[in-house]
Each structure stands twice: as C-alpha cells, then as structure tokens.
Amino acid sequence: MSRNMIAVKTQCQESSSNLLAVKTQCQESSSNLLAVKTQRQESSSNLLAVKTQRQEICLLLKHSVKEICLLLKHNVKKSVCC
C-alpha cells in the first residue's frame, strides 16, 4: 500500500512538473506572439512611412514637371514672338 502511495505521489509530482513545463511553454509562446505582433506593427509603420515618402516624391515630381512645362512654354513663346 505504501509503495502504491509513493508511486502515486511521484506520478503527481511528475504531472505537476509537466504542467509547469506546459505553462512555461505557453508563456514563451505568448511572448513569441507578442514579438511577432510588435514586429508586424513595426512593419506596418514602415510601410506607412514608405507610402508617405512615395506620395511626397510624387508630389515633388508633379510640381517639378509643372515648373518645367511652364518654363518651356515661356521659352517657346519668347522664341516664337521674336
């Protein structure tokens, strides 16, 4: 009877250790998920920064093209008039 009780007690301790290992593993997994989530947020912030940068470049290009066109029109008018 006493051996059975020791065996049960040992088994309970092992189960408890397994539960602890599972709990630790879950905590590690949730930490990994948090890291992935943070990384995704950083990536989306980077994408937003790239998109904003592209929009700024496009605006600058449009503005430059307009200026060039105006200068060309002005120069053409001068040369035609003369």
PDB file of N, CA and C in Angstrom:
ATOM      1  N   MET A   1       0.826  -1.186   0.000  1.00  0.00           N
ATOM      2  CA  MET A   1       0.000   0.000   0.000  1.00  0.00           C
ATOM      3  C   MET A   1       0.875   1.256   0.000  1.00  0.00           C
ATOM      4  N   SER A   2       1.897   1.187   0.786  1.00  0.00           N
ATOM      5  CA  SER A   2       2.787   2.334   0.907  1.00  0.00           C
ATOM      6  C   SER A   2       3.537   2.590  -0.418  1.00  0.00           C
ATOM      7  N   ARG A   3       3.937   1.524  -1.107  1.00  0.00           N
ATOM      8  CA  ARG A   3       4.611   1.684  -2.404  1.00  0.00           C
ATOM      9  C   ARG A   3       3.680   2.337  -3.420  1.00  0.00           C
ATOM     10  N   ASN A   4       2.415   1.901  -3.376  1.00  0.00           N
ATOM     11  CA  ASN A   4       1.443   2.494  -4.299  1.00  0.00           C
ATOM     12  C   ASN A   4       1.268   3.985  -4.036  1.00  0.00           C
ATOM     13  N   MET A   5       1.245   4.356  -2.755  1.00  0.00           N
ATOM     14  CA  MET A   5       1.090   5.756  -2.394  1.00  0.00           C
ATOM     15  C   MET A   5       2.298   6.562  -2.870  1.00  0.00           C
ATOM     16  N   ILE A   6       3.514   5.992  -2.703  1.00  0.00           N
ATOM     17  CA  ILE A   6       4.734   6.661  -3.168  1.00  0.00           C
ATOM     18  C   ILE A   6       4.693   6.807  -4.684  1.00  0.00           C
ATOM     19  N   ALA A   7       4.238   5.741  -5.359  1.00  0.00           N
ATOM     20  CA  ALA A   7       4.154   5.775  -6.820  1.00  0.00           C
ATOM     21  C   ALA A   7       3.169   6.849  -7.265  1.00  0.00           C
ATOM     22  N   VAL A   8       2.018   6.935  -6.583  1.00  0.00           N
ATOM     23  CA  VAL A   8       1.004   7.941  -6.923  1.00  0.00           C
ATOM     24  C   VAL A   8       1.562   9.332  -6.664  1.00  0.00           C
ATOM     25  N   LYS A   9       2.229   9.480  -5.509  1.00  0.00           N
ATOM     26  CA  LYS A   9       2.796  10.786  -5.165  1.00  0.00           C
ATOM     27  C   LYS A   9       3.844  11.206  -6.204  1.00  0.00           C
ATOM     28  N   THR A  10       4.711  10.262  -6.594  1.00  0.00           N
ATOM     29  CA  THR A  10       5.728  10.541  -7.607  1.00  0.00           C
ATOM     30  C   THR A  10       5.072  10.922  -8.927  1.00  0.00           C
ATOM     31  N   GLN A  11       4.026  10.181  -9.292  1.00  0.00           N
ATOM     32  CA  GLN A  11       3.312  10.451 -10.533  1.00  0.00           C
ATOM     33  C   GLN A  11       2.682  11.850 -10.487  1.00  0.00           C
ATOM     34  N   CYS A  12       2.129  12.208  -9.333  1.00  0.00           N
ATOM     35  CA  CYS A  12       1.535  13.542  -9.178  1.00  0.00           C
ATOM     36  C   CYS A  12       2.602  14.621  -9.330  1.00  0.00           C
ATOM     37  N   GLN A  13       3.762  14.397  -8.752  1.00  0.00           N
ATOM     38  CA  GLN A  13       4.844  15.370  -8.869  1.00  0.00           C
ATOM     39  C   GLN A  13       5.289  15.509 -10.321  1.00  0.00           C
ATOM     40  N   GLU A  14       5.384  14.380 -11.021  1.00  0.00           N
ATOM     41  CA  GLU A  14       5.757  14.421 -12.436  1.00  0.00           C
ATOM     42  C   GLU A  14       4.702  15.171 -13.239  1.00  0.00           C
ATOM     43  N   SER A  15       3.431  14.907 -12.947  1.00  0.00           N
ATOM     44  CA  SER A  15       2.337  15.606 -13.639  1.00  0.00           C
ATOM     45  C   SER A  15       2.431  17.104 -13.378  1.00  0.00           C
ATOM     46  N   SER A  16       2.721  17.421 -12.129  1.00  0.00           N
ATOM     47  CA  SER A  16       2.847  18.822 -11.756  1.00  0.00           C
ATOM     48  C   SER A  16       4.020  19.472 -12.510  1.00  0.00           C
ATOM     49  N   SER A  17       5.117  18.729 -12.651  1.00  0.00           N
ATOM     50  CA  SER A  17       6.259  19.235 -13.405  1.00  0.00           C
ATOM     51  C   SER A  17       5.897  19.425 -14.878  1.00  0.00           C
ATOM     52  N   ASN A  18       5.137  18.483 -15.416  1.00  0.00           N
ATOM     53  CA  ASN A  18       4.684  18.587 -16.806  1.00  0.00           C
ATOM     54  C   ASN A  18       3.791  19.800 -17.002  1.00  0.00           C
ATOM     55  N   LEU A  19       2.907  20.017 -16.016  1.00  0.00           N
ATOM     56  CA  LEU A  19       2.029  21.191 -16.100  1.00  0.00           C
ATOM     57  C   LEU A  19       2.856  22.470 -16.075  1.00  0.00           C
ATOM     58  N   LEU A  20       3.876  22.479 -15.223  1.00  0.00           N
ATOM     59  CA  LEU A  20       4.747  23.637 -15.138  1.00  0.00           C
ATOM     60  C   LEU A  20       5.471  23.854 -16.477  1.00  0.00           C
ATOM     61  N   ALA A  21       5.924  22.749 -17.062  1.00  0.00           N
ATOM     62  CA  ALA A  21       6.607  22.837 -18.354  1.00  0.00           C
ATOM     63  C   ALA A  21       5.656  23.359 -19.429  1.00  0.00           C
ATOM     64  N   VAL A  22       4.419  22.860 -19.404  1.00  0.00           N
ATOM     65  CA  VAL A  22       3.414  23.323 -20.375  1.00  0.00           C
ATOM     66  C   VAL A  22       3.122  24.793 -20.159  1.00  0.00           C
ATOM     67  N   LYS A  23       2.969  25.195 -18.885  1.00  0.00           N
ATOM     68  CA  LYS A  23       2.686  26.594 -18.564  1.00  0.00           C
ATOM     69  C   LYS A  23       3.838  27.485 -19.052  1.00  0.00           C
ATOM     70  N   THR A  24       5.068  27.045 -18.798  1.00  0.00           N
ATOM     71  CA  THR A  24       6.242  27.802 -19.238  1.00  0.00           C
ATOM     72  C   THR A  24       6.261  27.914 -20.760  1.00  0.00           C
ATOM     73  N   GLN A  25       5.946  26.786 -21.418  1.00  0.00           N
ATOM     74  CA  GLN A  25       5.920  26.776 -22.880  1.00  0.00           C
ATOM     75  C   GLN A  25       4.849  27.736 -23.406  1.00  0.00           C
ATOM     76  N   CYS A  26       3.693  27.755 -22.751  1.00  0.00           N
ATOM     77  CA  CYS A  26       2.626  28.677 -23.155  1.00  0.00           C
ATOM     78  C   CYS A  26       3.073  30.120 -22.994  1.00  0.00           C
ATOM     79  N   GLN A  27       3.746  30.406 -21.887  1.00  0.00           N
ATOM     80  CA  GLN A  27       4.228  31.765 -21.662  1.00  0.00           C
ATOM     81  C   GLN A  27       5.233  32.159 -22.730  1.00  0.00           C
ATOM     82  N   GLU A  28       6.132  31.234 -23.085  1.00  0.00           N
ATOM     83  CA  GLU A  28       7.107  31.503 -24.138  1.00  0.00           C
ATOM     84  C   GLU A  28       6.398  31.744 -25.465  1.00  0.00           C
ATOM     85  N   SER A  29       5.370  30.927 -25.745  1.00  0.00           N
ATOM     86  CA  SER A  29       4.612  31.096 -26.985  1.00  0.00           C
ATOM     87  C   SER A  29       3.936  32.452 -27.019  1.00  0.00           C
ATOM     88  N   SER A  30       3.347  32.854 -25.894  1.00  0.00           N
ATOM     89  CA  SER A  30       2.665  34.150 -25.880  1.00  0.00           C
ATOM     90  C   SER A  30       3.689  35.279 -26.028  1.00  0.00           C
ATOM     91  N   SER A  31       4.890  35.099 -25.486  1.00  0.00           N
ATOM     92  CA  SER A  31       5.937  36.104 -25.674  1.00  0.00           C
ATOM     93  C   SER A  31       6.328  36.190 -27.149  1.00  0.00           C
ATOM     94  N   ASN A  32       6.415  35.015 -27.792  1.00  0.00           N
ATOM     95  CA  ASN A  32       6.732  34.988 -29.217  1.00  0.00           C
ATOM     96  C   ASN A  32       5.646  35.663 -30.036  1.00  0.00           C
ATOM     97  N   LEU A  33       4.383  35.408 -29.650  1.00  0.00           N
ATOM     98  CA  LEU A  33       3.263  36.041 -30.355  1.00  0.00           C
ATOM     99  C   LEU A  33       3.326  37.549 -30.195  1.00  0.00           C
ATOM    100  N   LEU A  34       3.671  37.983 -28.984  1.00  0.00           N
ATOM    101  CA  LEU A  34       3.790  39.417 -28.731  1.00  0.00           C
ATOM    102  C   LEU A  34       4.902  40.010 -29.587  1.00  0.00           C
ATOM    103  N   ALA A  35       6.018  39.290 -29.682  1.00  0.00           N
ATOM    104  CA  ALA A  35       7.132  39.760 -30.507  1.00  0.00           C
ATOM    105  C   ALA A  35       6.725  39.841 -31.976  1.00  0.00           C
ATOM    106  N   VAL A  36       5.993  38.822 -32.439  1.00  0.00           N
ATOM    107  CA  VAL A  36       5.523  38.820 -33.830  1.00  0.00           C
ATOM    108  C   VAL A  36       4.563  39.975 -34.060  1.00  0.00           C
ATOM    109  N   LYS A  37       3.651  40.190 -33.105  1.00  0.00           N
ATOM    110  CA  LYS A  37       2.674  41.278 -33.224  1.00  0.00           C
ATOM    111  C   LYS A  37       3.408  42.626 -33.289  1.00  0.00           C
ATOM    112  N   THR A  38       4.395  42.800 -32.411  1.00  0.00           N
ATOM    113  CA  THR A  38       5.172  44.033 -32.393  1.00  0.00           C
ATOM    114  C   THR A  38       5.899  44.223 -33.722  1.00  0.00           C
ATOM    115  N   GLN A  39       6.464  43.109 -34.224  1.00  0.00           N
ATOM    116  CA  GLN A  39       7.180  43.166 -35.491  1.00  0.00           C
ATOM    117  C   GLN A  39       6.225  43.555 -36.624  1.00  0.00           C
ATOM    118  N   ARG A  40       5.017  43.003 -36.603  1.00  0.00           N
ATOM    119  CA  ARG A  40       4.019  43.348 -37.626  1.00  0.00           C
ATOM    120  C   ARG A  40       3.666  44.819 -37.552  1.00  0.00           C
ATOM    121  N   GLN A  41       3.515  45.333 -36.320  1.00  0.00           N
ATOM    122  CA  GLN A  41       3.176  46.747 -36.156  1.00  0.00           C
ATOM    123  C   GLN A  41       4.306  47.615 -36.702  1.00  0.00           C
ATOM    124  N   GLU A  42       5.561  47.212 -36.400  1.00  0.00           N
ATOM    125  CA  GLU A  42       6.699  47.961 -36.923  1.00  0.00           C
ATOM    126  C   GLU A  42       6.723  47.911 -38.444  1.00  0.00           C
ATOM    127  N   SER A  43       6.433  46.715 -38.999  1.00  0.00           N
ATOM    128  CA  SER A  43       6.406  46.569 -40.451  1.00  0.00           C
ATOM    129  C   SER A  43       5.334  47.454 -41.059  1.00  0.00           C
ATOM    130  N   SER A  44       4.152  47.483 -40.438  1.00  0.00           N
ATOM    131  CA  SER A  44       3.076  48.305 -40.993  1.00  0.00           C
ATOM    132  C   SER A  44       3.441  49.784 -40.861  1.00  0.00           C
ATOM    133  N   SER A  45       4.150  50.152 -39.794  1.00  0.00           N
ATOM    134  CA  SER A  45       4.606  51.539 -39.657  1.00  0.00           C
ATOM    135  C   SER A  45       5.613  51.869 -40.749  1.00  0.00           C
ATOM    136  N   ASN A  46       6.507  50.897 -41.036  1.00  0.00           N
ATOM    137  CA  ASN A  46       7.488  51.102 -42.103  1.00  0.00           C
ATOM    138  C   ASN A  46       6.800  51.238 -43.449  1.00  0.00           C
ATOM    139  N   LEU A  47       5.776  50.415 -43.678  1.00  0.00           N
ATOM    140  CA  LEU A  47       5.030  50.500 -44.934  1.00  0.00           C
ATOM    141  C   LEU A  47       4.355  51.852 -45.063  1.00  0.00           C
ATOM    142  N   LEU A  48       3.813  52.337 -43.948  1.00  0.00           N
ATOM    143  CA  LEU A  48       3.163  53.642 -43.949  1.00  0.00           C
ATOM    144  C   LEU A  48       4.186  54.737 -44.262  1.00  0.00           C
ATOM    145  N   ALA A  49       5.381  54.618 -43.677  1.00  0.00           N
ATOM    146  CA  ALA A  49       6.439  55.599 -43.927  1.00  0.00           C
ATOM    147  C   ALA A  49       6.854  55.576 -45.397  1.00  0.00           C
ATOM    148  N   VAL A  50       6.967  54.377 -45.963  1.00  0.00           N
ATOM    149  CA  VAL A  50       7.347  54.248 -47.379  1.00  0.00           C
ATOM    150  C   VAL A  50       6.264  54.854 -48.266  1.00  0.00           C
ATOM    151  N   LYS A  51       4.996  54.570 -47.938  1.00  0.00           N
ATOM    152  CA  LYS A  51       3.873  55.098 -48.719  1.00  0.00           C
ATOM    153  C   LYS A  51       3.876  56.626 -48.670  1.00  0.00           C
ATOM    154  N   THR A  52       4.081  57.180 -47.479  1.00  0.00           N
ATOM    155  CA  THR A  52       4.120  58.632 -47.314  1.00  0.00           C
ATOM    156  C   THR A  52       5.270  59.221 -48.110  1.00  0.00           C
ATOM    157  N   GLN A  53       6.423  58.537 -48.051  1.00  0.00           N
ATOM    158  CA  GLN A  53       7.600  59.008 -48.774  1.00  0.00           C
ATOM    159  C   GLN A  53       7.340  58.998 -50.290  1.00  0.00           C
ATOM    160  N   ARG A  54       6.678  57.944 -50.782  1.00  0.00           N
ATOM    161  CA  ARG A  54       6.342  57.859 -52.211  1.00  0.00           C
ATOM    162  C   ARG A  54       5.414  58.991 -52.616  1.00  0.00           C
ATOM    163  N   GLN A  55       4.423  59.272 -51.762  1.00  0.00           N
ATOM    164  CA  GLN A  55       3.482  60.347 -52.064  1.00  0.00           C
ATOM    165  C   GLN A  55       4.212  61.687 -52.145  1.00  0.00           C
ATOM    166  N   GLU A  56       5.150  61.912 -51.212  1.00  0.00           N
ATOM    167  CA  GLU A  56       5.922  63.155 -51.223  1.00  0.00           C
ATOM    168  C   GLU A  56       6.758  63.261 -52.493  1.00  0.00           C
ATOM    169  N   ILE A  57       7.388  62.147 -52.889  1.00  0.00           N
ATOM    170  CA  ILE A  57       8.215  62.136 -54.100  1.00  0.00           C
ATOM    171  C   ILE A  57       7.343  62.428 -55.327  1.00  0.00           C
ATOM    172  N   CYS A  58       6.158  61.794 -55.371  1.00  0.00           N
ATOM    173  CA  CYS A  58       5.240  62.025 -56.491  1.00  0.00           C
ATOM    174  C   CYS A  58       4.830  63.487 -56.563  1.00  0.00           C
ATOM    175  N   LEU A  59       4.516  64.069 -55.407  1.00  0.00           N
ATOM    176  CA  LEU A  59       4.135  65.482 -55.392  1.00  0.00           C
ATOM    177  C   LEU A  59       5.276  66.367 -55.880  1.00  0.00           C
ATOM    178  N   LEU A  60       6.489  66.056 -55.427  1.00  0.00           N
ATOM    179  CA  LEU A  60       7.655  66.829 -55.867  1.00  0.00           C
ATOM    180  C   LEU A  60       7.868  66.698 -57.370  1.00  0.00           C
ATOM    181  N   LEU A  61       7.722  65.483 -57.880  1.00  0.00           N
ATOM    182  CA  LEU A  61       7.887  65.244 -59.310  1.00  0.00           C
ATOM    183  C   LEU A  61       6.832  66.006 -60.114  1.00  0.00           C
ATOM    184  N   LYS A  62       5.570  65.927 -59.667  1.00  0.00           N
ATOM    185  CA  LYS A  62       4.491  66.646 -60.362  1.00  0.00           C
ATOM    186  C   LYS A  62       4.774  68.143 -60.380  1.00  0.00           C
ATOM    187  N   HIS A  63       5.193  68.651 -59.232  1.00  0.00           N
ATOM    188  CA  HIS A  63       5.486  70.079 -59.116  1.00  0.00           C
ATOM    189  C   HIS A  63       6.638  70.463 -60.056  1.00  0.00           C
ATOM    190  N   SER A  64       7.680  69.645 -60.088  1.00  0.00           N
ATOM    191  CA  SER A  64       8.829  69.912 -60.953  1.00  0.00           C
ATOM    192  C   SER A  64       8.437  69.865 -62.420  1.00  0.00           C
ATOM    193  N   VAL A  65       7.617  68.896 -62.795  1.00  0.00           N
ATOM    194  CA  VAL A  65       7.172  68.772 -64.186  1.00  0.00           C
ATOM    195  C   VAL A  65       6.366  69.996 -64.593  1.00  0.00           C
ATOM    196  N   LYS A  66       5.488  70.455 -63.694  1.00  0.00           N
ATOM    197  CA  LYS A  66       4.696  71.655 -63.984  1.00  0.00           C
ATOM    198  C   LYS A  66       5.609  72.853 -64.203  1.00  0.00           C
ATOM    199  N   GLU A  67       6.610  72.999 -63.339  1.00  0.00           N
ATOM    200  CA  GLU A  67       7.543  74.120 -63.478  1.00  0.00           C
ATOM    201  C   GLU A  67       8.296  74.048 -64.803  1.00  0.00           C
ATOM    202  N   ILE A  68       8.739  72.841 -65.155  1.00  0.00           N
ATOM    203  CA  ILE A  68       9.477  72.647 -66.413  1.00  0.00           C
ATOM    204  C   ILE A  68       8.575  72.999 -67.600  1.00  0.00           C
ATOM    205  N   CYS A  69       7.332  72.531 -67.550  1.00  0.00           N
ATOM    206  CA  CYS A  69       6.378  72.828 -68.634  1.00  0.00           C
ATOM    207  C   CYS A  69       6.149  74.327 -68.759  1.00  0.00           C
ATOM    208  N   LEU A  70       5.978  74.986 -67.627  1.00  0.00           N
ATOM    209  CA  LEU A  70       5.770  76.442 -67.655  1.00  0.00           C
ATOM    210  C   LEU A  70       6.983  77.158 -68.250  1.00  0.00           C
ATOM    211  N   LEU A  71       8.184  76.720 -67.854  1.00  0.00           N
ATOM    212  CA  LEU A  71       9.407  77.321 -68.390  1.00  0.00           C
ATOM    213  C   LEU A  71       9.513  77.079 -69.893  1.00  0.00           C
ATOM    214  N   LEU A  72       9.191  75.869 -70.314  1.00  0.00           N
ATOM    215  CA  LEU A  72       9.245  75.545 -71.747  1.00  0.00           C
ATOM    216  C   LEU A  72       8.249  76.390 -72.530  1.00  0.00           C
ATOM    217  N   LYS A  73       7.025  76.502 -72.025  1.00  0.00           N
ATOM    218  CA  LYS A  73       6.008  77.313 -72.686  1.00  0.00           C
ATOM    219  C   LYS A  73       6.469  78.759 -72.786  1.00  0.00           C
ATOM    220  N   HIS A  74       7.039  79.251 -71.700  1.00  0.00           N
ATOM    221  CA  HIS A  74       7.512  80.641 -71.661  1.00  0.00           C
ATOM    222  C   HIS A  74       8.625  80.841 -72.700  1.00  0.00           C
ATOM    223  N   ASN A  75       9.561  79.895 -72.754  1.00  0.00           N
ATOM    224  CA  ASN A  75      10.668  79.986 -73.707  1.00  0.00           C
ATOM    225  C   ASN A  75      10.175  79.868 -75.152  1.00  0.00           C
ATOM    226  N   VAL A  76       9.218  79.010 -75.378  1.00  0.00           N
ATOM    227  CA  VAL A  76       8.665  78.842 -76.723  1.00  0.00           C
ATOM    228  C   VAL A  76       7.983  80.131 -77.162  1.00  0.00           C
ATOM    229  N   LYS A  77       7.230  80.744 -76.288  1.00  0.00           N
ATOM    230  CA  LYS A  77       6.543  81.997 -76.614  1.00  0.00           C
ATOM    231  C   LYS A  77       7.555  83.072 -76.976  1.00  0.00           C
ATOM    232  N   LYS A  78       8.640  83.141 -76.213  1.00  0.00           N
ATOM    233  CA  LYS A  78       9.676  84.146 -76.463  1.00  0.00           C
ATOM    234  C   LYS A  78      10.299  83.926 -77.843  1.00  0.00           C
ATOM    235  N   SER A  79      10.641  82.710 -78.143  1.00  0.00           N
ATOM    236  CA  SER A  79      11.324  82.436 -79.406  1.00  0.00           C
ATOM    237  C   SER A  79      10.384  82.627 -80.598  1.00  0.00           C
ATOM    238  N   VAL A  80       9.100  82.316 -80.415  1.00  0.00           N
ATOM    239  CA  VAL A  80       8.135  82.493 -81.498  1.00  0.00           C
ATOM    240  C   VAL A  80       7.875  83.976 -81.717  1.00  0.00           C
ATOM    241  N   CYS A  81       7.746  84.702 -80.641  1.00  0.00           N
ATOM    242  CA  CYS A  81       7.470  86.135 -80.746  1.00  0.00           C
ATOM    243  C   CYS A  81       8.617  86.879 -81.429  1.00  0.00           C
ATOM    244  N   CYS A  82       9.808  86.477 -81.116  1.00  0.00           N
ATOM    245  CA  CYS A  82      10.977  87.164 -81.685  1.00  0.00           C
ATOM    246  C   CYS A  82      11.188  86.694 -83.118  1.00  0.00           C
TER     247      CYS A  82
END
